[in-house]
Amino acid sequence: MIRAMKPGDVLLLPRDKAPGLYNVIKSLFGEQVADWLANLTKHEYIHAELYVGAGYTLAAWFNGVHLVHYPLSVYDRFDIYTHPKMDDEKREKLCELVRKYFNKPYDFVSLILNGLPEILSLGIESVERYLEEQIDYGVPDFLICSELIARMYEDIGLPIEPYAEFVTPDDLAEHLVKVW
């Protein structure tokens, strides 16, 4: 049974449902090339947003962090996840944090640095963690989509990974529970 979305739920956009880069590459070079590039970093999900209630999500896009109100049909593109320890008190705290993160700028440098440890580690988790520790880049005033959610979850006592700036949408999927 599908439940209604609740504040604090995470919307993850699968790469094959994205209206962006993956599909552009797919249309220009074919699905095999697009899949090969996506599999280079093993990402199933390419974008993350946080549902904050009343039909709104908080999203970090290239033009910054914004509140978005989608038509219902758009939600069909997303997989919805929740934290197993999420409760009503934490949901309320997340909603209070919207003001703190609203209108923060997008972090293009982090977007690039985020992929380096994954690519250089060749899929070895301990090497990836070591490389993340070596990159001294934690600028909480500039955010990418998954980092936004990781920082907000940290703020309510539900950390996702040791370094929020390196959290990917796939990391969110690994640590959360799929609702629908």
N, C-alpha and C. Protein backbone atom coordinates (compact mmCIF):
# COMPACT_ATOMS: atom_id res chain seq x y z
N MET A 1 0.84 -1.19 0.00
CA MET A 1 0.00 0.00 0.00
C MET A 1 0.88 1.25 0.00
N ILE A 2 0.54 2.20 -0.82
CA ILE A 2 1.30 3.43 -0.92
C ILE A 2 0.77 4.42 0.11
N ARG A 3 1.67 5.00 0.89
CA ARG A 3 1.27 6.00 1.87
C ARG A 3 1.52 7.39 1.31
N ALA A 4 0.86 8.36 1.88
CA ALA A 4 1.07 9.75 1.47
C ALA A 4 2.47 10.19 1.88
N MET A 5 3.06 11.08 1.10
CA MET A 5 4.37 11.62 1.47
C MET A 5 4.24 12.43 2.75
N LYS A 6 5.31 12.38 3.53
CA LYS A 6 5.37 13.12 4.78
C LYS A 6 6.60 14.02 4.75
N PRO A 7 6.53 15.14 5.48
CA PRO A 7 7.73 15.98 5.58
C PRO A 7 8.92 15.14 6.04
N GLY A 8 10.05 15.37 5.42
CA GLY A 8 11.25 14.59 5.74
C GLY A 8 11.50 13.46 4.78
N ASP A 9 10.50 13.11 3.94
CA ASP A 9 10.72 12.09 2.93
C ASP A 9 11.67 12.63 1.87
N VAL A 10 12.47 11.74 1.32
CA VAL A 10 13.46 12.11 0.32
C VAL A 10 13.00 11.59 -1.04
N LEU A 11 13.00 12.47 -2.01
CA LEU A 11 12.65 12.12 -3.38
C LEU A 11 13.93 11.92 -4.16
N LEU A 12 14.11 10.72 -4.70
CA LEU A 12 15.31 10.42 -5.48
C LEU A 12 14.91 10.17 -6.93
N LEU A 13 15.59 10.84 -7.83
CA LEU A 13 15.29 10.74 -9.25
C LEU A 13 16.19 9.71 -9.91
N PRO A 14 15.61 8.59 -10.37
CA PRO A 14 16.42 7.59 -11.08
C PRO A 14 16.96 8.17 -12.39
N ARG A 15 18.17 7.76 -12.74
CA ARG A 15 18.80 8.33 -13.93
C ARG A 15 17.97 8.11 -15.19
N ASP A 16 17.24 7.00 -15.28
CA ASP A 16 16.48 6.73 -16.50
C ASP A 16 15.17 7.52 -16.59
N LYS A 17 14.80 8.22 -15.50
CA LYS A 17 13.60 9.05 -15.53
C LYS A 17 13.94 10.54 -15.53
N ALA A 18 15.23 10.83 -15.65
CA ALA A 18 15.68 12.22 -15.57
C ALA A 18 15.54 12.93 -16.91
N PRO A 19 14.99 14.13 -16.87
CA PRO A 19 14.88 14.88 -18.12
C PRO A 19 16.16 15.64 -18.46
N GLY A 20 17.27 15.24 -17.88
CA GLY A 20 18.50 16.02 -18.02
C GLY A 20 19.60 15.33 -18.78
N LEU A 21 20.80 15.41 -18.24
CA LEU A 21 22.02 15.01 -18.91
C LEU A 21 22.00 13.56 -19.38
N TYR A 22 21.57 12.63 -18.54
CA TYR A 22 21.56 11.22 -18.92
C TYR A 22 20.76 11.03 -20.20
N ASN A 23 19.58 11.63 -20.26
CA ASN A 23 18.74 11.45 -21.45
C ASN A 23 19.29 12.19 -22.67
N VAL A 24 19.97 13.30 -22.47
CA VAL A 24 20.62 14.00 -23.59
C VAL A 24 21.71 13.10 -24.17
N ILE A 25 22.55 12.54 -23.29
CA ILE A 25 23.61 11.64 -23.75
C ILE A 25 22.99 10.42 -24.42
N LYS A 26 21.94 9.90 -23.83
CA LYS A 26 21.25 8.73 -24.39
C LYS A 26 20.73 9.03 -25.79
N SER A 27 20.14 10.21 -25.98
CA SER A 27 19.59 10.55 -27.29
C SER A 27 20.69 10.80 -28.33
N LEU A 28 21.83 11.34 -27.90
CA LEU A 28 22.91 11.64 -28.83
C LEU A 28 23.79 10.44 -29.15
N PHE A 29 24.09 9.64 -28.12
CA PHE A 29 25.06 8.57 -28.29
C PHE A 29 24.51 7.17 -28.06
N GLY A 30 23.27 7.08 -27.62
CA GLY A 30 22.66 5.78 -27.39
C GLY A 30 22.67 5.40 -25.91
N GLU A 31 21.80 4.46 -25.60
CA GLU A 31 21.63 4.02 -24.20
C GLU A 31 22.89 3.37 -23.65
N GLN A 32 23.61 2.63 -24.48
CA GLN A 32 24.81 1.95 -23.99
C GLN A 32 25.87 2.96 -23.51
N VAL A 33 26.08 4.01 -24.27
CA VAL A 33 27.06 5.03 -23.87
C VAL A 33 26.59 5.75 -22.61
N ALA A 34 25.31 6.11 -22.57
CA ALA A 34 24.77 6.79 -21.38
C ALA A 34 24.88 5.91 -20.15
N ASP A 35 24.56 4.62 -20.30
CA ASP A 35 24.68 3.68 -19.18
C ASP A 35 26.14 3.51 -18.77
N TRP A 36 27.04 3.44 -19.74
CA TRP A 36 28.45 3.27 -19.43
C TRP A 36 28.96 4.45 -18.61
N LEU A 37 28.61 5.67 -19.04
CA LEU A 37 29.03 6.85 -18.28
C LEU A 37 28.41 6.88 -16.89
N ALA A 38 27.14 6.53 -16.80
CA ALA A 38 26.48 6.51 -15.49
C ALA A 38 27.08 5.43 -14.59
N ASN A 39 27.42 4.29 -15.17
CA ASN A 39 27.98 3.20 -14.38
C ASN A 39 29.43 3.45 -13.98
N LEU A 40 30.08 4.40 -14.64
CA LEU A 40 31.45 4.73 -14.26
C LEU A 40 31.51 5.09 -12.78
N THR A 41 30.51 5.77 -12.29
CA THR A 41 30.44 6.07 -10.86
C THR A 41 29.32 5.29 -10.18
N LYS A 42 28.70 4.36 -10.90
CA LYS A 42 27.69 3.44 -10.35
C LYS A 42 26.48 4.16 -9.76
N HIS A 43 26.04 5.23 -10.35
CA HIS A 43 24.91 5.96 -9.82
C HIS A 43 23.59 5.51 -10.44
N GLU A 44 22.69 5.07 -9.59
CA GLU A 44 21.34 4.76 -10.03
C GLU A 44 20.49 6.03 -9.99
N TYR A 45 20.77 6.88 -9.00
CA TYR A 45 20.02 8.12 -8.82
C TYR A 45 20.91 9.32 -9.13
N ILE A 46 20.30 10.35 -9.76
CA ILE A 46 21.11 11.50 -10.15
C ILE A 46 20.67 12.80 -9.48
N HIS A 47 19.59 12.77 -8.72
CA HIS A 47 19.12 14.00 -8.07
C HIS A 47 18.31 13.63 -6.84
N ALA A 48 18.35 14.52 -5.82
CA ALA A 48 17.61 14.30 -4.58
C ALA A 48 16.93 15.60 -4.15
N GLU A 49 15.74 15.46 -3.59
CA GLU A 49 15.00 16.60 -3.05
C GLU A 49 14.35 16.16 -1.75
N LEU A 50 13.98 17.13 -0.92
CA LEU A 50 13.38 16.84 0.38
C LEU A 50 11.94 17.35 0.41
N TYR A 51 11.01 16.46 0.70
CA TYR A 51 9.61 16.87 0.81
C TYR A 51 9.43 17.57 2.16
N VAL A 52 8.85 18.78 2.14
CA VAL A 52 8.69 19.55 3.37
C VAL A 52 7.22 19.80 3.73
N GLY A 53 6.32 19.21 2.96
CA GLY A 53 4.89 19.30 3.28
C GLY A 53 4.12 20.26 2.40
N ALA A 54 2.80 20.11 2.43
CA ALA A 54 1.87 20.97 1.68
C ALA A 54 2.17 21.00 0.19
N GLY A 55 2.73 19.90 -0.33
CA GLY A 55 3.03 19.82 -1.75
C GLY A 55 4.35 20.43 -2.16
N TYR A 56 5.18 20.84 -1.23
CA TYR A 56 6.46 21.51 -1.54
C TYR A 56 7.65 20.61 -1.25
N THR A 57 8.67 20.74 -2.12
CA THR A 57 9.96 20.10 -1.86
C THR A 57 11.02 21.20 -1.79
N LEU A 58 12.08 20.91 -1.06
CA LEU A 58 13.24 21.78 -1.00
C LEU A 58 14.30 21.14 -1.89
N ALA A 59 14.79 21.90 -2.86
CA ALA A 59 15.69 21.34 -3.86
C ALA A 59 16.87 22.27 -4.12
N ALA A 60 18.04 21.67 -4.26
CA ALA A 60 19.23 22.42 -4.67
C ALA A 60 19.46 22.15 -6.15
N TRP A 61 19.29 23.21 -6.93
CA TRP A 61 19.53 23.15 -8.37
C TRP A 61 20.69 24.07 -8.70
N PHE A 62 21.05 24.14 -9.96
CA PHE A 62 22.18 24.99 -10.37
C PHE A 62 21.97 26.45 -10.00
N ASN A 63 20.73 26.87 -9.82
CA ASN A 63 20.47 28.27 -9.45
C ASN A 63 20.23 28.43 -7.94
N GLY A 64 20.58 27.43 -7.14
CA GLY A 64 20.49 27.55 -5.69
C GLY A 64 19.42 26.67 -5.08
N VAL A 65 19.18 26.88 -3.79
CA VAL A 65 18.21 26.08 -3.03
C VAL A 65 16.86 26.80 -3.05
N HIS A 66 15.84 26.07 -3.49
CA HIS A 66 14.52 26.67 -3.65
C HIS A 66 13.42 25.73 -3.18
N LEU A 67 12.28 26.31 -2.86
CA LEU A 67 11.07 25.54 -2.64
C LEU A 67 10.37 25.36 -3.98
N VAL A 68 9.91 24.14 -4.23
CA VAL A 68 9.29 23.82 -5.50
C VAL A 68 7.93 23.17 -5.24
N HIS A 69 6.95 23.54 -6.04
CA HIS A 69 5.62 22.92 -5.96
C HIS A 69 5.35 22.29 -7.32
N TYR A 70 5.41 20.96 -7.39
CA TYR A 70 5.23 20.23 -8.65
C TYR A 70 3.77 19.84 -8.87
N PRO A 71 3.39 19.68 -10.13
CA PRO A 71 2.12 19.00 -10.41
C PRO A 71 2.26 17.55 -9.92
N LEU A 72 1.19 16.93 -9.53
CA LEU A 72 1.24 15.57 -8.99
C LEU A 72 1.91 14.58 -9.94
N SER A 73 1.75 14.77 -11.23
CA SER A 73 2.32 13.83 -12.20
C SER A 73 3.85 13.77 -12.14
N VAL A 74 4.49 14.83 -11.70
CA VAL A 74 5.95 14.87 -11.62
C VAL A 74 6.46 13.89 -10.55
N TYR A 75 5.72 13.72 -9.49
CA TYR A 75 6.17 12.83 -8.40
C TYR A 75 6.31 11.38 -8.86
N ASP A 76 5.64 11.02 -9.95
CA ASP A 76 5.75 9.65 -10.48
C ASP A 76 7.16 9.34 -10.97
N ARG A 77 7.94 10.35 -11.26
CA ARG A 77 9.32 10.15 -11.73
C ARG A 77 10.26 9.76 -10.58
N PHE A 78 9.89 10.12 -9.36
CA PHE A 78 10.77 9.93 -8.21
C PHE A 78 10.48 8.64 -7.47
N ASP A 79 11.53 8.09 -6.84
CA ASP A 79 11.37 7.06 -5.82
C ASP A 79 11.40 7.80 -4.48
N ILE A 80 10.54 7.39 -3.56
CA ILE A 80 10.41 8.08 -2.28
C ILE A 80 11.03 7.22 -1.18
N TYR A 81 11.89 7.85 -0.38
CA TYR A 81 12.57 7.18 0.73
C TYR A 81 12.32 7.94 2.03
N THR A 82 12.48 7.22 3.14
CA THR A 82 12.41 7.86 4.45
C THR A 82 13.49 7.27 5.35
N HIS A 83 13.84 8.01 6.37
CA HIS A 83 14.83 7.51 7.33
C HIS A 83 14.12 6.58 8.32
N PRO A 84 14.70 5.42 8.64
CA PRO A 84 14.04 4.50 9.56
C PRO A 84 13.82 5.06 10.96
N LYS A 85 14.58 6.09 11.34
CA LYS A 85 14.42 6.69 12.67
C LYS A 85 13.67 8.02 12.63
N MET A 86 13.05 8.33 11.49
CA MET A 86 12.30 9.57 11.36
C MET A 86 11.02 9.48 12.19
N ASP A 87 10.75 10.54 12.94
CA ASP A 87 9.51 10.60 13.72
C ASP A 87 8.90 11.99 13.56
N ASP A 88 7.74 12.21 14.14
CA ASP A 88 7.05 13.49 13.97
C ASP A 88 7.86 14.67 14.48
N GLU A 89 8.57 14.48 15.59
CA GLU A 89 9.39 15.57 16.14
C GLU A 89 10.51 15.96 15.17
N LYS A 90 11.17 14.96 14.59
CA LYS A 90 12.24 15.24 13.64
C LYS A 90 11.68 15.86 12.36
N ARG A 91 10.50 15.42 11.94
CA ARG A 91 9.86 16.01 10.75
C ARG A 91 9.59 17.50 10.99
N GLU A 92 9.13 17.83 12.16
CA GLU A 92 8.85 19.23 12.49
C GLU A 92 10.14 20.05 12.49
N LYS A 93 11.21 19.49 13.06
CA LYS A 93 12.50 20.19 13.07
C LYS A 93 13.02 20.42 11.65
N LEU A 94 12.84 19.42 10.78
CA LEU A 94 13.27 19.59 9.39
C LEU A 94 12.55 20.77 8.73
N CYS A 95 11.26 20.85 8.96
CA CYS A 95 10.48 21.94 8.37
C CYS A 95 10.95 23.30 8.89
N GLU A 96 11.35 23.34 10.16
CA GLU A 96 11.87 24.59 10.73
C GLU A 96 13.21 24.98 10.11
N LEU A 97 13.95 24.00 9.59
CA LEU A 97 15.27 24.26 9.00
C LEU A 97 15.20 24.82 7.59
N VAL A 98 14.03 24.81 6.98
CA VAL A 98 13.92 25.28 5.59
C VAL A 98 14.47 26.69 5.46
N ARG A 99 14.15 27.57 6.40
CA ARG A 99 14.65 28.96 6.33
C ARG A 99 16.18 29.02 6.35
N LYS A 100 16.79 28.14 7.12
CA LYS A 100 18.26 28.14 7.23
C LYS A 100 18.92 27.85 5.88
N TYR A 101 18.32 26.97 5.09
CA TYR A 101 18.95 26.52 3.85
C TYR A 101 18.38 27.18 2.60
N PHE A 102 17.23 27.80 2.70
CA PHE A 102 16.58 28.43 1.56
C PHE A 102 17.48 29.51 0.94
N ASN A 103 17.58 29.49 -0.36
CA ASN A 103 18.35 30.47 -1.15
C ASN A 103 19.86 30.34 -1.01
N LYS A 104 20.35 29.28 -0.41
CA LYS A 104 21.81 29.05 -0.41
C LYS A 104 22.24 28.78 -1.85
N PRO A 105 23.45 29.19 -2.21
CA PRO A 105 23.91 28.96 -3.59
C PRO A 105 24.29 27.51 -3.85
N TYR A 106 24.27 27.14 -5.11
CA TYR A 106 24.68 25.81 -5.55
C TYR A 106 26.20 25.70 -5.49
N ASP A 107 26.71 24.52 -5.21
CA ASP A 107 28.14 24.31 -5.06
C ASP A 107 28.71 23.53 -6.24
N PHE A 108 29.12 24.25 -7.27
CA PHE A 108 29.66 23.61 -8.46
C PHE A 108 30.99 22.90 -8.18
N VAL A 109 31.81 23.47 -7.30
CA VAL A 109 33.09 22.84 -6.96
C VAL A 109 32.84 21.51 -6.26
N SER A 110 31.91 21.47 -5.34
CA SER A 110 31.59 20.23 -4.65
C SER A 110 31.05 19.18 -5.60
N LEU A 111 30.29 19.61 -6.58
CA LEU A 111 29.75 18.67 -7.56
C LEU A 111 30.89 17.93 -8.26
N ILE A 112 31.94 18.65 -8.59
CA ILE A 112 33.10 18.03 -9.23
C ILE A 112 33.89 17.19 -8.24
N LEU A 113 34.18 17.77 -7.06
CA LEU A 113 34.97 17.04 -6.05
C LEU A 113 34.24 15.80 -5.54
N ASN A 114 32.93 15.83 -5.55
CA ASN A 114 32.13 14.71 -5.06
C ASN A 114 32.44 13.42 -5.82
N GLY A 115 32.68 13.52 -7.11
CA GLY A 115 32.93 12.33 -7.91
C GLY A 115 34.36 11.81 -7.84
N LEU A 116 35.32 12.67 -7.47
CA LEU A 116 36.72 12.25 -7.48
C LEU A 116 37.01 11.04 -6.59
N PRO A 117 36.62 11.05 -5.31
CA PRO A 117 36.93 9.88 -4.48
C PRO A 117 36.30 8.59 -5.03
N GLU A 118 35.10 8.69 -5.58
CA GLU A 118 34.45 7.50 -6.13
C GLU A 118 35.20 6.96 -7.33
N ILE A 119 35.58 7.84 -8.23
CA ILE A 119 36.27 7.41 -9.44
C ILE A 119 37.67 6.87 -9.11
N LEU A 120 38.42 7.61 -8.29
CA LEU A 120 39.79 7.22 -7.97
C LEU A 120 39.87 5.98 -7.09
N SER A 121 38.83 5.69 -6.33
CA SER A 121 38.86 4.53 -5.42
C SER A 121 38.58 3.21 -6.13
N LEU A 122 38.13 3.29 -7.39
CA LEU A 122 37.80 2.09 -8.17
C LEU A 122 36.79 1.20 -7.45
N GLY A 123 35.89 1.83 -6.70
CA GLY A 123 34.82 1.08 -6.05
C GLY A 123 35.19 0.47 -4.71
N ILE A 124 36.38 0.75 -4.21
CA ILE A 124 36.81 0.20 -2.92
C ILE A 124 36.42 1.21 -1.84
N GLU A 125 35.46 0.83 -1.02
CA GLU A 125 34.86 1.74 -0.04
C GLU A 125 35.90 2.34 0.91
N SER A 126 36.82 1.54 1.42
CA SER A 126 37.81 2.07 2.36
C SER A 126 38.72 3.09 1.68
N VAL A 127 39.06 2.89 0.43
CA VAL A 127 39.87 3.85 -0.31
C VAL A 127 39.07 5.12 -0.54
N GLU A 128 37.80 4.97 -0.87
CA GLU A 128 36.94 6.15 -1.07
C GLU A 128 36.88 7.00 0.20
N ARG A 129 36.68 6.36 1.37
CA ARG A 129 36.63 7.09 2.63
C ARG A 129 37.96 7.80 2.91
N TYR A 130 39.08 7.11 2.63
CA TYR A 130 40.39 7.71 2.83
C TYR A 130 40.55 8.96 1.96
N LEU A 131 40.17 8.85 0.70
CA LEU A 131 40.28 9.99 -0.22
C LEU A 131 39.40 11.15 0.22
N GLU A 132 38.21 10.85 0.71
CA GLU A 132 37.32 11.91 1.22
C GLU A 132 37.96 12.66 2.38
N GLU A 133 38.67 11.92 3.23
CA GLU A 133 39.34 12.56 4.36
C GLU A 133 40.47 13.48 3.90
N GLN A 134 41.07 13.18 2.75
CA GLN A 134 42.20 13.96 2.25
C GLN A 134 41.76 15.25 1.56
N ILE A 135 40.54 15.28 1.06
CA ILE A 135 40.05 16.48 0.37
C ILE A 135 39.45 17.41 1.41
N ASP A 136 40.10 18.51 1.63
CA ASP A 136 39.64 19.48 2.63
C ASP A 136 38.68 20.45 1.96
N TYR A 137 37.43 20.01 1.86
CA TYR A 137 36.44 20.87 1.24
C TYR A 137 35.10 20.66 1.92
N GLY A 138 34.77 21.54 2.79
CA GLY A 138 33.48 21.50 3.44
C GLY A 138 32.97 22.92 3.57
N VAL A 139 32.24 23.38 2.58
CA VAL A 139 31.72 24.74 2.58
C VAL A 139 30.20 24.66 2.72
N PRO A 140 29.68 24.70 3.95
CA PRO A 140 28.26 24.46 4.17
C PRO A 140 27.33 25.56 3.64
N ASP A 141 27.88 26.67 3.18
CA ASP A 141 27.02 27.72 2.64
C ASP A 141 26.74 27.53 1.15
N PHE A 142 27.41 26.58 0.50
CA PHE A 142 27.17 26.22 -0.89
C PHE A 142 26.82 24.74 -0.90
N LEU A 143 25.75 24.37 -1.61
CA LEU A 143 25.23 23.01 -1.49
C LEU A 143 24.90 22.38 -2.83
N ILE A 144 25.08 21.05 -2.90
CA ILE A 144 24.51 20.26 -3.98
C ILE A 144 23.29 19.54 -3.41
N CYS A 145 22.50 18.91 -4.26
CA CYS A 145 21.19 18.38 -3.85
C CYS A 145 21.27 17.40 -2.68
N SER A 146 22.11 16.39 -2.79
CA SER A 146 22.18 15.37 -1.74
C SER A 146 22.86 15.88 -0.48
N GLU A 147 23.80 16.81 -0.64
CA GLU A 147 24.45 17.42 0.52
C GLU A 147 23.43 18.21 1.34
N LEU A 148 22.53 18.91 0.67
CA LEU A 148 21.47 19.66 1.35
C LEU A 148 20.71 18.75 2.30
N ILE A 149 20.29 17.60 1.80
CA ILE A 149 19.53 16.66 2.62
C ILE A 149 20.40 16.10 3.74
N ALA A 150 21.64 15.74 3.41
CA ALA A 150 22.54 15.19 4.44
C ALA A 150 22.78 16.19 5.56
N ARG A 151 22.97 17.45 5.23
CA ARG A 151 23.19 18.48 6.26
C ARG A 151 21.93 18.70 7.09
N MET A 152 20.78 18.71 6.46
CA MET A 152 19.54 18.88 7.22
C MET A 152 19.30 17.69 8.13
N TYR A 153 19.57 16.49 7.65
CA TYR A 153 19.42 15.30 8.49
C TYR A 153 20.42 15.33 9.65
N GLU A 154 21.66 15.78 9.39
CA GLU A 154 22.64 15.94 10.48
C GLU A 154 22.11 16.89 11.54
N ASP A 155 21.50 17.98 11.09
CA ASP A 155 20.98 18.99 12.01
C ASP A 155 19.90 18.45 12.95
N ILE A 156 19.23 17.37 12.55
CA ILE A 156 18.19 16.79 13.43
C ILE A 156 18.66 15.49 14.07
N GLY A 157 19.98 15.22 13.97
CA GLY A 157 20.54 14.06 14.66
C GLY A 157 20.48 12.76 13.88
N LEU A 158 20.35 12.83 12.55
CA LEU A 158 20.31 11.62 11.73
C LEU A 158 21.37 11.71 10.62
N PRO A 159 22.66 11.63 11.00
CA PRO A 159 23.71 11.76 9.97
C PRO A 159 23.65 10.60 8.97
N ILE A 160 23.96 10.92 7.72
CA ILE A 160 23.95 9.91 6.65
C ILE A 160 25.35 9.32 6.47
N GLU A 161 26.34 10.16 6.35
CA GLU A 161 27.74 9.77 6.13
C GLU A 161 28.62 10.69 6.98
N PRO A 162 29.90 10.33 7.19
CA PRO A 162 30.78 11.20 7.97
C PRO A 162 30.98 12.59 7.36
N TYR A 163 30.95 12.70 6.04
CA TYR A 163 31.19 13.98 5.36
C TYR A 163 30.00 14.30 4.47
N ALA A 164 29.17 15.22 4.92
CA ALA A 164 27.94 15.56 4.19
C ALA A 164 28.23 16.04 2.77
N GLU A 165 29.37 16.71 2.58
CA GLU A 165 29.67 17.24 1.24
C GLU A 165 29.93 16.16 0.21
N PHE A 166 30.14 14.91 0.65
CA PHE A 166 30.37 13.81 -0.28
C PHE A 166 29.18 12.87 -0.41
N VAL A 167 28.07 13.18 0.20
CA VAL A 167 26.89 12.32 0.11
C VAL A 167 26.28 12.46 -1.29
N THR A 168 26.01 11.33 -1.90
CA THR A 168 25.39 11.30 -3.22
C THR A 168 23.93 10.85 -3.07
N PRO A 169 23.12 11.02 -4.11
CA PRO A 169 21.77 10.47 -4.04
C PRO A 169 21.77 8.96 -3.78
N ASP A 170 22.75 8.24 -4.35
CA ASP A 170 22.82 6.79 -4.08
C ASP A 170 23.16 6.50 -2.62
N ASP A 171 23.98 7.34 -1.99
CA ASP A 171 24.25 7.16 -0.56
C ASP A 171 22.96 7.29 0.24
N LEU A 172 22.13 8.26 -0.14
CA LEU A 172 20.84 8.42 0.53
C LEU A 172 20.01 7.15 0.40
N ALA A 173 19.97 6.59 -0.81
CA ALA A 173 19.19 5.37 -1.04
C ALA A 173 19.71 4.21 -0.18
N GLU A 174 21.03 4.15 0.01
CA GLU A 174 21.62 3.07 0.81
C GLU A 174 21.27 3.18 2.29
N HIS A 175 21.11 4.40 2.81
CA HIS A 175 20.89 4.61 4.22
C HIS A 175 19.42 4.78 4.61
N LEU A 176 18.58 4.99 3.62
CA LEU A 176 17.16 5.21 3.88
C LEU A 176 16.34 4.00 3.45
N VAL A 177 15.06 4.04 3.75
CA VAL A 177 14.15 2.95 3.41
C VAL A 177 13.20 3.42 2.32
N LYS A 178 13.08 2.63 1.27
CA LYS A 178 12.20 3.00 0.16
C LYS A 178 10.75 2.85 0.58
N VAL A 179 9.98 3.92 0.40
CA VAL A 179 8.57 3.93 0.74
C VAL A 179 7.74 3.55 -0.49
N TRP A 180 8.07 4.17 -1.61
CA TRP A 180 7.44 3.84 -2.90
C TRP A 180 8.16 4.48 -4.05
